């Protein structure tokens, strides 16, 4: 699995529904800042593009696994507790174990 170590937000912005990416940071402050930037992206440009980027994190590795769904799918997830964590099933097993 390829890990993006530069231009992480740009990588997130270029993803399409169904795509998965792993991004990594070289320091904790950039890692934390990314989650805020991603939240703003999802609320603004992501919504306009009908995209929502989920992010699973590994603090010890300063990594996020990004899973992209449509905004419509995200709304379904939020309104149905049975679907709330469905996106996590898309996290690659090799990343989940590493």
N, C-alpha and C. Protein backbone atom coordinates (compact mmCIF):
# COMPACT_ATOMS: atom_id res chain seq x y z
N UNK A 1 0.84 -1.17 0.00
CA UNK A 1 0.00 0.00 0.00
C UNK A 1 0.89 1.24 0.00
N UNK A 2 0.63 2.14 -0.95
CA UNK A 2 1.42 3.36 -1.07
C UNK A 2 0.97 4.37 -0.02
N UNK A 3 1.94 4.98 0.62
CA UNK A 3 1.69 6.00 1.65
C UNK A 3 2.14 7.35 1.11
N UNK A 4 1.25 8.33 1.12
CA UNK A 4 1.58 9.68 0.69
C UNK A 4 2.17 10.44 1.86
N UNK A 5 3.39 10.98 1.66
CA UNK A 5 4.09 11.66 2.75
C UNK A 5 4.23 13.17 2.52
N UNK A 6 3.76 13.65 1.38
CA UNK A 6 3.77 15.09 1.10
C UNK A 6 2.44 15.46 0.45
N UNK A 7 2.08 16.72 0.54
CA UNK A 7 0.84 17.21 -0.07
C UNK A 7 -0.37 16.36 0.34
N UNK A 8 -0.47 16.06 1.62
CA UNK A 8 -1.51 15.17 2.12
C UNK A 8 -2.92 15.72 1.89
N UNK A 9 -3.13 17.01 2.12
CA UNK A 9 -4.46 17.58 1.92
C UNK A 9 -4.80 17.58 0.43
N UNK A 10 -3.84 17.84 -0.40
CA UNK A 10 -4.08 17.79 -1.84
C UNK A 10 -4.47 16.38 -2.26
N UNK A 11 -3.84 15.39 -1.67
CA UNK A 11 -4.20 14.00 -1.95
C UNK A 11 -5.67 13.77 -1.58
N UNK A 12 -6.08 14.22 -0.41
CA UNK A 12 -7.46 14.05 0.04
C UNK A 12 -8.43 14.76 -0.91
N UNK A 13 -8.06 15.93 -1.38
CA UNK A 13 -8.93 16.71 -2.27
C UNK A 13 -9.11 16.05 -3.63
N UNK A 14 -8.17 15.24 -4.04
CA UNK A 14 -8.21 14.62 -5.37
C UNK A 14 -8.82 13.23 -5.37
N UNK A 15 -9.24 12.75 -4.23
CA UNK A 15 -9.85 11.42 -4.17
C UNK A 15 -11.29 11.46 -4.66
N UNK A 16 -11.75 10.31 -5.17
CA UNK A 16 -13.12 10.16 -5.64
C UNK A 16 -13.83 9.10 -4.80
N UNK A 17 -15.15 9.05 -4.90
CA UNK A 17 -15.94 8.07 -4.17
C UNK A 17 -15.38 6.67 -4.44
N UNK A 18 -15.20 5.91 -3.36
CA UNK A 18 -14.70 4.55 -3.46
C UNK A 18 -13.19 4.43 -3.35
N UNK A 19 -12.48 5.54 -3.39
CA UNK A 19 -11.03 5.49 -3.31
C UNK A 19 -10.57 5.48 -1.85
N UNK A 20 -9.38 4.90 -1.67
CA UNK A 20 -8.77 4.77 -0.35
C UNK A 20 -7.33 5.25 -0.47
N UNK A 21 -6.86 5.99 0.52
CA UNK A 21 -5.48 6.46 0.53
C UNK A 21 -4.97 6.49 1.97
N UNK A 22 -3.66 6.37 2.11
CA UNK A 22 -3.01 6.52 3.41
C UNK A 22 -2.06 7.70 3.31
N UNK A 23 -2.18 8.62 4.27
CA UNK A 23 -1.28 9.78 4.32
C UNK A 23 -0.53 9.75 5.64
N UNK A 24 0.71 10.23 5.58
CA UNK A 24 1.59 10.20 6.76
C UNK A 24 2.24 11.56 6.93
N UNK A 25 2.53 11.91 8.17
CA UNK A 25 3.11 13.21 8.51
C UNK A 25 4.43 13.02 9.24
N UNK A 26 5.29 14.04 9.13
CA UNK A 26 6.59 13.94 9.79
C UNK A 26 6.60 14.57 11.18
N UNK A 27 5.50 15.25 11.55
CA UNK A 27 5.44 15.73 12.93
C UNK A 27 3.99 15.78 13.41
N UNK A 28 3.84 15.76 14.70
CA UNK A 28 2.51 15.65 15.32
C UNK A 28 1.64 16.87 15.04
N UNK A 29 2.20 18.07 15.02
CA UNK A 29 1.39 19.26 14.78
C UNK A 29 0.74 19.23 13.40
N UNK A 30 1.48 18.81 12.40
CA UNK A 30 0.91 18.70 11.05
C UNK A 30 -0.15 17.61 11.00
N UNK A 31 0.10 16.53 11.70
CA UNK A 31 -0.86 15.43 11.79
C UNK A 31 -2.19 15.92 12.38
N UNK A 32 -2.13 16.63 13.49
CA UNK A 32 -3.34 17.16 14.15
C UNK A 32 -4.02 18.21 13.28
N UNK A 33 -3.26 19.06 12.67
CA UNK A 33 -3.81 20.11 11.82
C UNK A 33 -4.59 19.52 10.65
N UNK A 34 -4.14 18.39 10.14
CA UNK A 34 -4.80 17.75 9.01
C UNK A 34 -6.25 17.42 9.32
N UNK A 35 -6.53 16.94 10.52
CA UNK A 35 -7.91 16.58 10.85
C UNK A 35 -8.83 17.80 10.82
N UNK A 36 -8.32 18.94 11.24
CA UNK A 36 -9.10 20.19 11.19
C UNK A 36 -9.31 20.59 9.72
N UNK A 37 -8.26 20.54 8.93
CA UNK A 37 -8.36 20.90 7.52
C UNK A 37 -9.34 19.97 6.79
N UNK A 38 -9.30 18.70 7.11
CA UNK A 38 -10.20 17.73 6.49
C UNK A 38 -11.65 18.00 6.87
N UNK A 39 -11.88 18.39 8.11
CA UNK A 39 -13.23 18.75 8.55
C UNK A 39 -13.76 19.94 7.74
N UNK A 40 -12.92 20.94 7.54
CA UNK A 40 -13.32 22.10 6.74
C UNK A 40 -13.56 21.72 5.29
N UNK A 41 -12.71 20.85 4.76
CA UNK A 41 -12.90 20.37 3.38
C UNK A 41 -14.25 19.66 3.24
N UNK A 42 -14.55 18.75 4.16
CA UNK A 42 -15.81 18.00 4.09
C UNK A 42 -17.02 18.93 4.16
N UNK A 43 -16.94 19.95 4.98
CA UNK A 43 -18.07 20.87 5.15
C UNK A 43 -18.24 21.82 3.96
N UNK A 44 -17.17 22.09 3.24
CA UNK A 44 -17.22 23.04 2.14
C UNK A 44 -17.11 22.39 0.78
N UNK A 45 -15.89 22.29 0.29
CA UNK A 45 -15.66 21.78 -1.06
C UNK A 45 -16.10 20.33 -1.23
N UNK A 46 -15.92 19.54 -0.22
CA UNK A 46 -16.36 18.14 -0.30
C UNK A 46 -17.86 18.05 -0.52
N UNK A 47 -18.59 18.82 0.23
CA UNK A 47 -20.06 18.83 0.10
C UNK A 47 -20.46 19.29 -1.30
N UNK A 48 -19.80 20.32 -1.82
CA UNK A 48 -20.11 20.80 -3.18
C UNK A 48 -19.83 19.72 -4.23
N UNK A 49 -18.83 18.89 -3.98
CA UNK A 49 -18.48 17.81 -4.91
C UNK A 49 -19.23 16.51 -4.61
N UNK A 50 -20.14 16.55 -3.61
CA UNK A 50 -20.89 15.37 -3.15
C UNK A 50 -19.94 14.27 -2.65
N UNK A 51 -18.92 14.69 -1.89
CA UNK A 51 -17.94 13.76 -1.32
C UNK A 51 -17.84 13.95 0.19
N UNK A 52 -17.51 12.86 0.87
CA UNK A 52 -17.18 12.94 2.28
C UNK A 52 -15.98 12.04 2.51
N UNK A 53 -14.93 12.58 3.11
CA UNK A 53 -13.70 11.83 3.37
C UNK A 53 -13.67 11.43 4.84
N UNK A 54 -13.80 10.13 5.09
CA UNK A 54 -13.64 9.59 6.43
C UNK A 54 -12.14 9.43 6.69
N UNK A 55 -11.73 9.51 7.94
CA UNK A 55 -10.32 9.34 8.28
C UNK A 55 -10.18 8.48 9.53
N UNK A 56 -9.51 7.35 9.36
CA UNK A 56 -9.13 6.51 10.50
C UNK A 56 -7.69 6.88 10.83
N UNK A 57 -7.36 6.97 12.10
CA UNK A 57 -6.03 7.45 12.47
C UNK A 57 -5.19 6.42 13.21
N UNK A 58 -3.89 6.58 13.05
CA UNK A 58 -2.89 5.83 13.81
C UNK A 58 -1.92 6.87 14.36
N UNK A 59 -2.20 7.30 15.56
CA UNK A 59 -1.40 8.36 16.17
C UNK A 59 0.07 7.97 16.29
N UNK A 60 0.33 6.72 16.66
CA UNK A 60 1.72 6.28 16.85
C UNK A 60 2.53 6.30 15.56
N UNK A 61 1.86 6.24 14.40
CA UNK A 61 2.56 6.29 13.10
C UNK A 61 2.35 7.62 12.40
N UNK A 62 1.53 8.51 13.00
CA UNK A 62 1.19 9.80 12.40
C UNK A 62 0.58 9.59 11.01
N UNK A 63 -0.37 8.66 10.92
CA UNK A 63 -1.01 8.32 9.66
C UNK A 63 -2.53 8.38 9.77
N UNK A 64 -3.14 8.67 8.62
CA UNK A 64 -4.58 8.55 8.46
C UNK A 64 -4.84 7.66 7.26
N UNK A 65 -5.85 6.82 7.37
CA UNK A 65 -6.36 6.07 6.24
C UNK A 65 -7.64 6.79 5.83
N UNK A 66 -7.67 7.25 4.59
CA UNK A 66 -8.80 8.04 4.09
C UNK A 66 -9.71 7.16 3.24
N UNK A 67 -10.99 7.19 3.54
CA UNK A 67 -12.01 6.43 2.82
C UNK A 67 -13.04 7.44 2.31
N UNK A 68 -13.31 7.43 1.01
CA UNK A 68 -14.20 8.42 0.43
C UNK A 68 -15.55 7.79 0.08
N UNK A 69 -16.61 8.42 0.56
CA UNK A 69 -17.98 8.04 0.24
C UNK A 69 -18.69 9.27 -0.30
N UNK A 70 -19.86 9.08 -0.87
CA UNK A 70 -20.63 10.24 -1.32
C UNK A 70 -21.23 10.94 -0.10
N UNK A 71 -21.54 12.20 -0.26
CA UNK A 71 -22.20 12.94 0.83
C UNK A 71 -23.54 12.30 1.17
N UNK A 72 -24.23 11.81 0.15
CA UNK A 72 -25.51 11.15 0.38
C UNK A 72 -25.33 9.90 1.24
N UNK A 73 -24.29 9.13 0.94
CA UNK A 73 -24.00 7.93 1.74
C UNK A 73 -23.67 8.31 3.18
N UNK A 74 -22.91 9.38 3.34
CA UNK A 74 -22.55 9.84 4.69
C UNK A 74 -23.81 10.24 5.47
N UNK A 75 -24.73 10.91 4.83
CA UNK A 75 -25.99 11.28 5.50
C UNK A 75 -26.76 10.04 5.94
N UNK A 76 -26.75 9.00 5.11
CA UNK A 76 -27.40 7.73 5.49
C UNK A 76 -26.71 7.14 6.72
N UNK A 77 -25.37 7.19 6.72
CA UNK A 77 -24.61 6.66 7.85
C UNK A 77 -24.97 7.40 9.14
N UNK A 78 -25.12 8.69 9.03
CA UNK A 78 -25.39 9.51 10.21
C UNK A 78 -26.82 9.31 10.73
N UNK A 79 -27.74 8.98 9.85
CA UNK A 79 -29.13 8.84 10.27
C UNK A 79 -29.51 7.41 10.66
N UNK A 80 -28.64 6.45 10.38
CA UNK A 80 -28.93 5.05 10.68
C UNK A 80 -27.77 4.47 11.49
N UNK A 81 -27.99 4.22 12.75
CA UNK A 81 -26.90 3.75 13.62
C UNK A 81 -26.32 2.41 13.15
N UNK A 82 -27.08 1.61 12.42
CA UNK A 82 -26.56 0.34 11.90
C UNK A 82 -25.53 0.56 10.80
N UNK A 83 -25.55 1.70 10.16
CA UNK A 83 -24.61 2.01 9.08
C UNK A 83 -23.44 2.87 9.52
N UNK A 84 -23.47 3.34 10.75
CA UNK A 84 -22.51 4.33 11.24
C UNK A 84 -21.04 3.96 10.99
N UNK A 85 -20.68 2.71 11.19
CA UNK A 85 -19.28 2.29 11.04
C UNK A 85 -19.03 1.43 9.82
N UNK A 86 -19.96 1.41 8.88
CA UNK A 86 -19.80 0.59 7.67
C UNK A 86 -18.54 0.97 6.89
N UNK A 87 -18.23 2.25 6.84
CA UNK A 87 -17.06 2.71 6.08
C UNK A 87 -15.77 2.08 6.59
N UNK A 88 -15.71 1.75 7.87
CA UNK A 88 -14.49 1.17 8.46
C UNK A 88 -14.17 -0.20 7.88
N UNK A 89 -15.17 -0.88 7.34
CA UNK A 89 -14.94 -2.19 6.72
C UNK A 89 -14.07 -2.08 5.47
N UNK A 90 -13.94 -0.87 4.94
CA UNK A 90 -13.13 -0.64 3.74
C UNK A 90 -11.65 -0.39 4.06
N UNK A 91 -11.33 -0.24 5.33
CA UNK A 91 -9.93 -0.02 5.71
C UNK A 91 -9.14 -1.27 5.36
N UNK A 92 -8.08 -1.12 4.58
CA UNK A 92 -7.28 -2.29 4.20
C UNK A 92 -6.76 -3.03 5.43
N UNK A 93 -6.87 -4.32 5.41
CA UNK A 93 -6.44 -5.13 6.55
C UNK A 93 -4.97 -4.92 6.88
N UNK A 94 -4.14 -4.79 5.85
CA UNK A 94 -2.70 -4.61 6.09
C UNK A 94 -2.41 -3.29 6.83
N UNK A 95 -3.22 -2.24 6.58
CA UNK A 95 -3.03 -1.00 7.31
C UNK A 95 -3.56 -1.14 8.73
N UNK A 96 -4.67 -1.80 8.88
CA UNK A 96 -5.28 -1.99 10.19
C UNK A 96 -4.41 -2.77 11.16
N UNK A 97 -3.60 -3.66 10.62
CA UNK A 97 -2.73 -4.50 11.46
C UNK A 97 -1.37 -3.86 11.71
N UNK A 98 -0.94 -3.04 10.78
CA UNK A 98 0.42 -2.48 10.86
C UNK A 98 0.56 -1.50 11.99
